[in-house]
Amino acid sequence: MCQKMWKLLRRDEGMVTSEYAMGIIAAVGFAAVLYAVVTSGEVSAELQDIVKRALSARM
């Protein structure tokens, strides 16, 4: 009985189109913010410095 009731209450077959759209909008917004941060002058300079130090390291 309990299992039948649970199945009736939990009839979730996946996300609807509006939920997909909101998820995509959130992902694109996050990607835009991340891109802006990574391409900023200060962060870009730090990343270049890290790569230069890694390439010049002795093994």
C-alpha atoms as a PDB file:
ATOM      1  CA  MET A   1       0.000   0.000   0.000  1.00  0.00           C
ATOM      2  CA  CYS A   2       2.726   2.413   0.924  1.00  0.00           C
ATOM      3  CA  GLN A   3       4.628   1.749  -2.290  1.00  0.00           C
ATOM      4  CA  LYS A   4       1.529   2.364  -4.435  1.00  0.00           C
ATOM      5  CA  MET A   5       0.887   5.655  -2.667  1.00  0.00           C
ATOM      6  CA  TRP A   6       4.503   6.705  -3.142  1.00  0.00           C
ATOM      7  CA  LYS A   7       4.295   6.018  -6.895  1.00  0.00           C
ATOM      8  CA  LEU A   8       1.116   8.091  -7.186  1.00  0.00           C
ATOM      9  CA  LEU A   9       2.660  11.004  -5.329  1.00  0.00           C
ATOM     10  CA  ARG A  10       5.945  10.800  -7.236  1.00  0.00           C
ATOM     11  CA  ARG A  11       4.870  10.911 -10.867  1.00  0.00           C
ATOM     12  CA  ASP A  12       7.866  12.943 -11.994  1.00  0.00           C
ATOM     13  CA  GLU A  13       8.976  11.932 -15.460  1.00  0.00           C
ATOM     14  CA  GLY A  14      11.620  14.619 -15.981  1.00  0.00           C
ATOM     15  CA  MET A  15      11.948  18.318 -16.474  1.00  0.00           C
ATOM     16  CA  VAL A  16       9.521  20.289 -18.572  1.00  0.00           C
ATOM     17  CA  THR A  17      10.653  22.677 -21.292  1.00  0.00           C
ATOM     18  CA  SER A  18      10.511  25.726 -19.039  1.00  0.00           C
ATOM     19  CA  GLU A  19      12.818  24.036 -16.525  1.00  0.00           C
ATOM     20  CA  TYR A  20      15.288  23.206 -19.298  1.00  0.00           C
ATOM     21  CA  ALA A  21      15.150  26.822 -20.459  1.00  0.00           C
ATOM     22  CA  MET A  22      15.808  28.168 -16.969  1.00  0.00           C
ATOM     23  CA  GLY A  23      18.707  25.738 -16.538  1.00  0.00           C
ATOM     24  CA  ILE A  24      20.237  26.822 -19.835  1.00  0.00           C
ATOM     25  CA  ILE A  25      19.825  30.503 -18.983  1.00  0.00           C
ATOM     26  CA  ALA A  26      21.510  29.959 -15.610  1.00  0.00           C
ATOM     27  CA  ALA A  27      24.377  28.019 -17.209  1.00  0.00           C
ATOM     28  CA  VAL A  28      24.938  30.687 -19.857  1.00  0.00           C
ATOM     29  CA  GLY A  29      24.891  33.419 -17.216  1.00  0.00           C
ATOM     30  CA  PHE A  30      27.430  31.561 -15.103  1.00  0.00           C
ATOM     31  CA  ALA A  31      29.628  30.975 -18.154  1.00  0.00           C
ATOM     32  CA  ALA A  32      29.508  34.674 -19.048  1.00  0.00           C
ATOM     33  CA  VAL A  33      30.546  35.711 -15.544  1.00  0.00           C
ATOM     34  CA  LEU A  34      33.326  33.117 -15.485  1.00  0.00           C
ATOM     35  CA  TYR A  35      34.571  34.251 -18.898  1.00  0.00           C
ATOM     36  CA  ALA A  36      34.623  37.887 -17.770  1.00  0.00           C
ATOM     37  CA  VAL A  37      36.624  36.987 -14.666  1.00  0.00           C
ATOM     38  CA  VAL A  38      39.137  34.790 -16.480  1.00  0.00           C
ATOM     39  CA  THR A  39      39.729  37.289 -19.285  1.00  0.00           C
ATOM     40  CA  SER A  40      40.160  40.260 -16.971  1.00  0.00           C
ATOM     41  CA  GLY A  41      43.636  41.802 -16.969  1.00  0.00           C
ATOM     42  CA  GLU A  42      44.673  40.785 -13.475  1.00  0.00           C
ATOM     43  CA  VAL A  43      43.525  37.174 -13.711  1.00  0.00           C
ATOM     44  CA  SER A  44      44.955  36.808 -17.216  1.00  0.00           C
ATOM     45  CA  ALA A  45      48.343  38.053 -16.027  1.00  0.00           C
ATOM     46  CA  GLU A  46      48.305  35.619 -13.108  1.00  0.00           C
ATOM     47  CA  LEU A  47      47.391  32.699 -15.373  1.00  0.00           C
ATOM     48  CA  GLN A  48      50.202  33.612 -17.783  1.00  0.00           C
ATOM     49  CA  ASP A  49      52.638  33.792 -14.872  1.00  0.00           C
ATOM     50  CA  ILE A  50      51.567  30.338 -13.659  1.00  0.00           C
ATOM     51  CA  VAL A  51      52.033  28.866 -17.150  1.00  0.00           C
ATOM     52  CA  LYS A  52      55.460  30.512 -17.553  1.00  0.00           C
ATOM     53  CA  ARG A  53      56.613  29.175 -14.174  1.00  0.00           C
ATOM     54  CA  ALA A  54      55.312  25.695 -15.015  1.00  0.00           C
ATOM     55  CA  LEU A  55      57.088  25.646 -18.368  1.00  0.00           C
ATOM     56  CA  SER A  56      60.372  26.872 -16.936  1.00  0.00           C
ATOM     57  CA  ALA A  57      60.408  24.415 -14.009  1.00  0.00           C
ATOM     58  CA  ARG A  58      63.206  21.877 -13.918  1.00  0.00           C
ATOM     59  CA  MET A  59      62.343  18.208 -13.663  1.00  0.00           C
END
